[in-house]
Amino acid sequence: MPTRSKAVAPRPDAPTPLPPRSVPLDVAELSFAGFTSAGLQMIHEVATRQDKAWVAEHKSEYETQVRVPLAALVVATMEYCAAAGLPLQGDPKRSLFRIHRDVRFSADKRPFHSHASAVLTRTAEKQSPGVLYLQIAPKSSFAAVGFYLPDKVQLSALREGIASDPLGWSRMVRALKSAELVLDESDALVRGPRGYEHAPEVVRDALRLRSLIIIRPLRAAELRSRKLPERLSAFALAAAPLLQFGWHALQRDRPYAALLARAARGPER
């Protein structure tokens, strides 16, 4: 860690100093070699300190030790996914989430996330449904595949896809089970959603889910390994039946398809 000059206490009326310029996320000449102990410690420091001045002072280190390796991980994982035939795309800049939290409507006013995260989707856009999500945190790192808290229109389309194709849903669940994967049920409704009272028994539990996701914990040793991109793509490939089912449900849902068509046309003049 570079030597720092002695800090001088700012005057009460002094403006907040601008943070140092970010190190460019140029991963063209990088390959993912694993997160270093210093990088993981940096995430821990940000999470526990929640100090704007400290983060501004260490921004350059955060970029080089956390964001650059994370960007390289996105690119390497995307390449492995492409080789496996998985349509998951990422961008070394746009696929990474910001360190700053949006606290405008939250009772929790901590300014920074306690983790570093990124996402791969079919379009490389964060909001595209059906994702491979990566979260690096001091003690709770994980990867997740699926559809996390889809909006009202998407959730309706997914539920309609489940209710109208119980055989396909059951087949998909069996495929996941054969790969030792299960859907996360921690955020399910207590009762089934309105309008699905007569849905087939085999899908009633699935219809209570507000997210369709599979979670894989990531150990510290895996985070430090250069084999992490390969393992993430293998996880995504094993979870691909869920992605395919969800994408198909969204594609064939008429209201959702019409919404996408309107979005593609742009605002009406």
Protein backbone atom coordinates (compact mmCIF):
# COMPACT_ATOMS: atom_id res chain seq x y z
CA MET A 1 0.00 0.00 0.00
CA PRO A 2 1.53 3.36 -0.99
CA THR A 3 2.71 5.79 1.66
CA ARG A 4 0.23 8.55 2.38
CA SER A 5 0.93 12.07 3.58
CA LYS A 6 -0.32 13.10 6.99
CA ALA A 7 -3.99 14.05 6.88
CA VAL A 8 -4.94 17.64 7.67
CA ALA A 9 -8.31 18.31 9.29
CA PRO A 10 -10.46 20.41 6.91
CA ARG A 11 -12.07 23.67 8.03
CA PRO A 12 -15.77 23.31 8.90
CA ASP A 13 -16.71 25.48 5.92
CA ALA A 14 -14.28 23.88 3.48
CA PRO A 15 -15.79 22.14 0.42
CA THR A 16 -15.57 18.36 0.20
CA PRO A 17 -12.38 17.50 -1.72
CA LEU A 18 -12.80 15.76 -5.05
CA PRO A 19 -11.75 12.09 -5.01
CA PRO A 20 -8.74 11.07 -7.08
CA ARG A 21 -9.45 10.04 -10.65
CA SER A 22 -10.41 6.42 -11.12
CA VAL A 23 -7.95 4.00 -12.64
CA PRO A 24 -9.29 3.11 -16.12
CA LEU A 25 -10.96 -0.28 -16.27
CA ASP A 26 -8.80 -1.42 -19.17
CA VAL A 27 -8.95 -5.21 -19.08
CA ALA A 28 -7.72 -5.69 -22.62
CA GLU A 29 -4.28 -6.67 -21.32
CA LEU A 30 -5.48 -8.34 -18.12
CA SER A 31 -6.51 -11.86 -17.31
CA PHE A 32 -8.31 -12.78 -14.14
CA ALA A 33 -5.82 -14.17 -11.65
CA GLY A 34 -8.06 -14.20 -8.58
CA PHE A 35 -8.83 -11.56 -6.00
CA THR A 36 -5.90 -10.73 -3.75
CA SER A 37 -6.03 -10.68 0.03
CA ALA A 38 -5.56 -6.90 -0.19
CA GLY A 39 -8.57 -6.61 -2.49
CA LEU A 40 -10.81 -8.66 -0.22
CA GLN A 41 -9.58 -6.64 2.76
CA MET A 42 -10.42 -3.43 0.89
CA ILE A 43 -14.03 -4.59 0.47
CA HIS A 44 -14.11 -5.36 4.19
CA GLU A 45 -12.75 -1.91 5.08
CA VAL A 46 -15.36 -0.12 2.97
CA ALA A 47 -18.13 -2.27 4.45
CA THR A 48 -17.14 -1.69 8.07
CA ARG A 49 -15.92 1.91 7.94
CA GLN A 50 -18.72 3.46 5.84
CA ASP A 51 -16.56 6.58 5.78
CA LYS A 52 -16.80 8.88 2.74
CA ALA A 53 -13.50 10.60 3.45
CA TRP A 54 -11.66 7.29 3.85
CA VAL A 55 -13.15 5.87 0.65
CA ALA A 56 -12.24 9.03 -1.28
CA GLU A 57 -8.68 8.79 -0.01
CA HIS A 58 -8.40 5.12 -1.03
CA LYS A 59 -10.38 5.26 -4.25
CA SER A 60 -7.39 4.53 -6.48
CA GLU A 61 -6.55 1.44 -4.43
CA TYR A 62 -10.17 0.28 -4.54
CA GLU A 63 -10.16 0.59 -8.32
CA THR A 64 -6.96 -1.40 -8.83
CA GLN A 65 -7.58 -4.03 -6.15
CA VAL A 66 -11.34 -4.56 -6.52
CA ARG A 67 -12.95 -3.11 -9.62
CA VAL A 68 -10.25 -4.01 -12.15
CA PRO A 69 -10.14 -7.68 -11.05
CA LEU A 70 -13.95 -7.75 -10.99
CA ALA A 71 -14.06 -6.37 -14.53
CA ALA A 72 -11.54 -8.99 -15.64
CA LEU A 73 -13.69 -11.65 -13.98
CA VAL A 74 -16.73 -10.48 -15.96
CA VAL A 75 -14.85 -10.68 -19.25
CA ALA A 76 -13.32 -14.09 -18.51
CA THR A 77 -16.63 -15.53 -17.32
CA MET A 78 -18.36 -14.20 -20.43
CA GLU A 79 -15.78 -15.96 -22.61
CA TYR A 80 -16.31 -19.27 -20.81
CA CYS A 81 -20.08 -18.87 -21.12
CA ALA A 82 -19.77 -18.20 -24.84
CA ALA A 83 -17.66 -21.33 -25.26
CA ALA A 84 -20.38 -23.31 -23.47
CA GLY A 85 -23.12 -21.84 -25.68
CA LEU A 86 -24.64 -19.70 -22.93
CA PRO A 87 -26.02 -16.34 -24.18
CA LEU A 88 -24.72 -14.35 -21.22
CA GLN A 89 -22.94 -11.09 -21.99
CA GLY A 90 -20.99 -8.67 -19.85
CA ASP A 91 -19.19 -5.37 -20.17
CA PRO A 92 -16.10 -4.50 -18.08
CA LYS A 93 -17.63 -1.15 -17.13
CA ARG A 94 -21.42 -1.34 -17.45
CA SER A 95 -21.76 -4.76 -15.81
CA LEU A 96 -20.25 -3.60 -12.52
CA PHE A 97 -22.46 -2.07 -9.84
CA ARG A 98 -21.55 1.19 -8.13
CA ILE A 99 -20.06 1.21 -4.66
CA HIS A 100 -22.46 3.98 -3.55
CA ARG A 101 -25.87 3.05 -2.17
CA ASP A 102 -29.05 4.88 -3.14
CA VAL A 103 -30.26 6.01 0.28
CA ARG A 104 -32.94 8.46 -0.82
CA PHE A 105 -35.86 6.25 0.19
CA SER A 106 -34.12 3.99 2.69
CA ALA A 107 -34.01 4.10 6.48
CA ASP A 108 -30.50 2.65 6.21
CA LYS A 109 -28.31 5.67 5.44
CA ARG A 110 -24.98 3.87 5.13
CA PRO A 111 -23.35 5.43 2.05
CA PHE A 112 -21.60 2.35 0.65
CA HIS A 113 -22.47 -1.21 -0.25
CA SER A 114 -20.85 -3.88 1.89
CA HIS A 115 -19.88 -5.86 -1.21
CA ALA A 116 -18.65 -5.58 -4.79
CA SER A 117 -20.93 -6.99 -7.47
CA ALA A 118 -21.47 -7.48 -11.18
CA VAL A 119 -23.99 -9.12 -13.49
CA LEU A 120 -24.08 -10.87 -16.86
CA THR A 121 -27.27 -10.91 -18.96
CA ARG A 122 -28.35 -11.71 -22.52
CA THR A 123 -27.85 -8.09 -23.59
CA ALA A 124 -25.12 -6.98 -21.14
CA GLU A 125 -27.68 -4.53 -19.72
CA LYS A 126 -28.24 -4.81 -15.98
CA GLN A 127 -32.05 -4.69 -16.26
CA SER A 128 -32.32 -7.51 -18.80
CA PRO A 129 -34.18 -10.44 -17.16
CA GLY A 130 -32.33 -13.68 -16.56
CA VAL A 131 -28.91 -13.12 -15.01
CA LEU A 132 -25.70 -14.53 -13.67
CA TYR A 133 -25.03 -12.31 -10.64
CA LEU A 134 -21.76 -12.16 -8.69
CA GLN A 135 -21.39 -10.70 -5.21
CA ILE A 136 -18.05 -10.47 -3.42
CA ALA A 137 -18.37 -9.74 0.30
CA PRO A 138 -16.15 -10.34 3.34
CA LYS A 139 -18.07 -13.37 4.64
CA SER A 140 -20.98 -13.95 2.26
CA SER A 141 -19.81 -14.13 -1.34
CA PHE A 142 -22.07 -15.94 -3.77
CA ALA A 143 -23.19 -16.34 -7.36
CA ALA A 144 -26.84 -16.47 -8.39
CA VAL A 145 -28.60 -17.47 -11.59
CA GLY A 146 -32.19 -16.68 -12.51
CA PHE A 147 -34.77 -13.93 -12.23
CA TYR A 148 -34.39 -11.82 -9.09
CA LEU A 149 -37.40 -9.75 -7.99
CA PRO A 150 -38.76 -9.27 -11.53
CA ASP A 151 -41.08 -6.33 -12.02
CA LYS A 152 -44.85 -6.78 -11.97
CA VAL A 153 -45.18 -7.43 -15.71
CA GLN A 154 -42.28 -9.89 -15.80
CA LEU A 155 -43.44 -11.74 -12.68
CA SER A 156 -46.92 -12.10 -14.15
CA ALA A 157 -45.44 -13.54 -17.36
CA LEU A 158 -43.24 -15.97 -15.43
CA ARG A 159 -46.15 -17.17 -13.30
CA GLU A 160 -48.32 -17.59 -16.37
CA GLY A 161 -45.55 -19.63 -17.96
CA ILE A 162 -45.34 -21.87 -14.88
CA ALA A 163 -49.11 -22.33 -14.54
CA SER A 164 -49.64 -23.06 -18.23
CA ASP A 165 -46.79 -25.56 -18.50
CA PRO A 166 -46.63 -27.63 -15.31
CA LEU A 167 -44.99 -30.51 -17.17
CA GLY A 168 -42.22 -28.26 -18.50
CA TRP A 169 -41.72 -26.72 -15.06
CA SER A 170 -41.46 -30.14 -13.41
CA ARG A 171 -39.00 -31.27 -16.06
CA MET A 172 -36.90 -28.18 -15.42
CA VAL A 173 -36.91 -28.73 -11.65
CA ARG A 174 -35.78 -32.34 -12.16
CA ALA A 175 -32.94 -31.16 -14.38
CA LEU A 176 -31.80 -28.78 -11.64
CA LYS A 177 -32.08 -31.51 -9.03
CA SER A 178 -29.90 -33.83 -11.12
CA ALA A 179 -27.24 -31.10 -10.97
CA GLU A 180 -27.77 -30.77 -7.19
CA LEU A 181 -29.36 -27.34 -7.59
CA VAL A 182 -32.54 -26.07 -5.94
CA LEU A 183 -34.55 -22.87 -6.20
CA ASP A 184 -34.19 -20.41 -3.34
CA GLU A 185 -37.49 -20.20 -1.43
CA SER A 186 -36.50 -17.66 1.23
CA ASP A 187 -38.62 -14.88 -0.28
CA ALA A 188 -41.84 -16.74 -1.06
CA LEU A 189 -45.36 -15.49 -0.43
CA VAL A 190 -47.23 -17.07 2.46
CA ARG A 191 -50.20 -17.74 0.19
CA GLY A 192 -50.49 -18.28 -3.52
CA PRO A 193 -51.04 -15.22 -5.73
CA ARG A 194 -54.56 -14.20 -6.62
CA GLY A 195 -55.89 -15.74 -9.81
CA TYR A 196 -54.02 -19.03 -9.49
CA GLU A 197 -56.26 -20.79 -6.98
CA HIS A 198 -56.95 -23.58 -9.49
CA ALA A 199 -53.39 -24.01 -10.72
CA PRO A 200 -52.05 -27.58 -10.82
CA GLU A 201 -50.85 -28.80 -7.44
CA VAL A 202 -47.35 -29.47 -8.76
CA VAL A 203 -46.67 -25.77 -9.41
CA ARG A 204 -48.47 -24.10 -6.51
CA ASP A 205 -45.32 -23.70 -4.41
CA ALA A 206 -43.49 -22.27 -7.41
CA LEU A 207 -46.21 -19.69 -7.98
CA ARG A 208 -45.60 -18.30 -4.47
CA LEU A 209 -42.02 -17.39 -5.35
CA ARG A 210 -41.24 -13.71 -5.90
CA SER A 211 -37.86 -14.58 -7.40
CA LEU A 212 -36.77 -17.58 -9.44
CA ILE A 213 -33.12 -17.90 -8.47
CA ILE A 214 -30.48 -20.47 -7.60
CA ILE A 215 -27.70 -19.44 -5.24
CA ARG A 216 -24.18 -20.87 -5.06
CA PRO A 217 -21.95 -19.76 -2.16
CA LEU A 218 -18.39 -18.83 -3.07
CA ARG A 219 -15.57 -19.76 -0.71
CA ALA A 220 -12.62 -17.46 -0.07
CA ALA A 221 -10.29 -19.95 -1.75
CA GLU A 222 -12.43 -19.81 -4.90
CA LEU A 223 -12.30 -16.01 -4.96
CA ARG A 224 -8.50 -16.17 -4.95
CA SER A 225 -8.40 -18.79 -7.71
CA ARG A 226 -7.85 -18.04 -11.39
CA LYS A 227 -10.31 -20.88 -12.07
CA LEU A 228 -13.25 -18.85 -10.74
CA PRO A 229 -14.53 -17.81 -14.22
CA GLU A 230 -14.62 -21.45 -15.32
CA ARG A 231 -16.50 -22.47 -12.17
CA LEU A 232 -19.00 -19.65 -12.56
CA SER A 233 -19.74 -20.60 -16.15
CA ALA A 234 -20.14 -24.25 -15.11
CA PHE A 235 -22.65 -23.15 -12.47
CA ALA A 236 -24.53 -21.06 -15.03
CA LEU A 237 -24.59 -23.98 -17.46
CA ALA A 238 -26.01 -26.29 -14.78
CA ALA A 239 -28.67 -23.66 -13.99
CA ALA A 240 -29.42 -22.98 -17.68
CA PRO A 241 -32.73 -24.93 -17.64
CA LEU A 242 -34.15 -22.24 -15.33
CA LEU A 243 -32.94 -19.44 -17.60
CA GLN A 244 -34.36 -21.14 -20.69
CA PHE A 245 -37.73 -21.74 -19.04
CA GLY A 246 -37.97 -18.13 -17.88
CA TRP A 247 -36.84 -16.62 -21.17
CA HIS A 248 -39.35 -18.76 -23.03
CA ALA A 249 -42.15 -17.71 -20.67
CA LEU A 250 -41.32 -14.04 -21.16
CA GLN A 251 -41.01 -14.37 -24.92
CA ARG A 252 -44.40 -16.03 -25.41
CA ASP A 253 -46.28 -13.78 -22.98
CA ARG A 254 -48.28 -11.36 -25.13
CA PRO A 255 -48.50 -8.41 -22.69
CA TYR A 256 -44.78 -8.58 -21.97
CA ALA A 257 -43.90 -9.00 -25.66
CA ALA A 258 -46.05 -5.96 -26.49
CA LEU A 259 -44.27 -3.97 -23.78
CA LEU A 260 -40.89 -4.89 -25.25
CA ALA A 261 -42.06 -3.92 -28.73
CA ARG A 262 -43.18 -0.51 -27.50
CA ALA A 263 -39.86 0.00 -25.73
CA ALA A 264 -37.97 -0.92 -28.90
CA ARG A 265 -39.95 1.63 -30.93
CA GLY A 266 -39.16 4.39 -28.46
CA PRO A 267 -41.48 7.16 -27.24
CA GLU A 268 -44.34 8.11 -29.51
CA ARG A 269 -44.16 11.55 -31.07
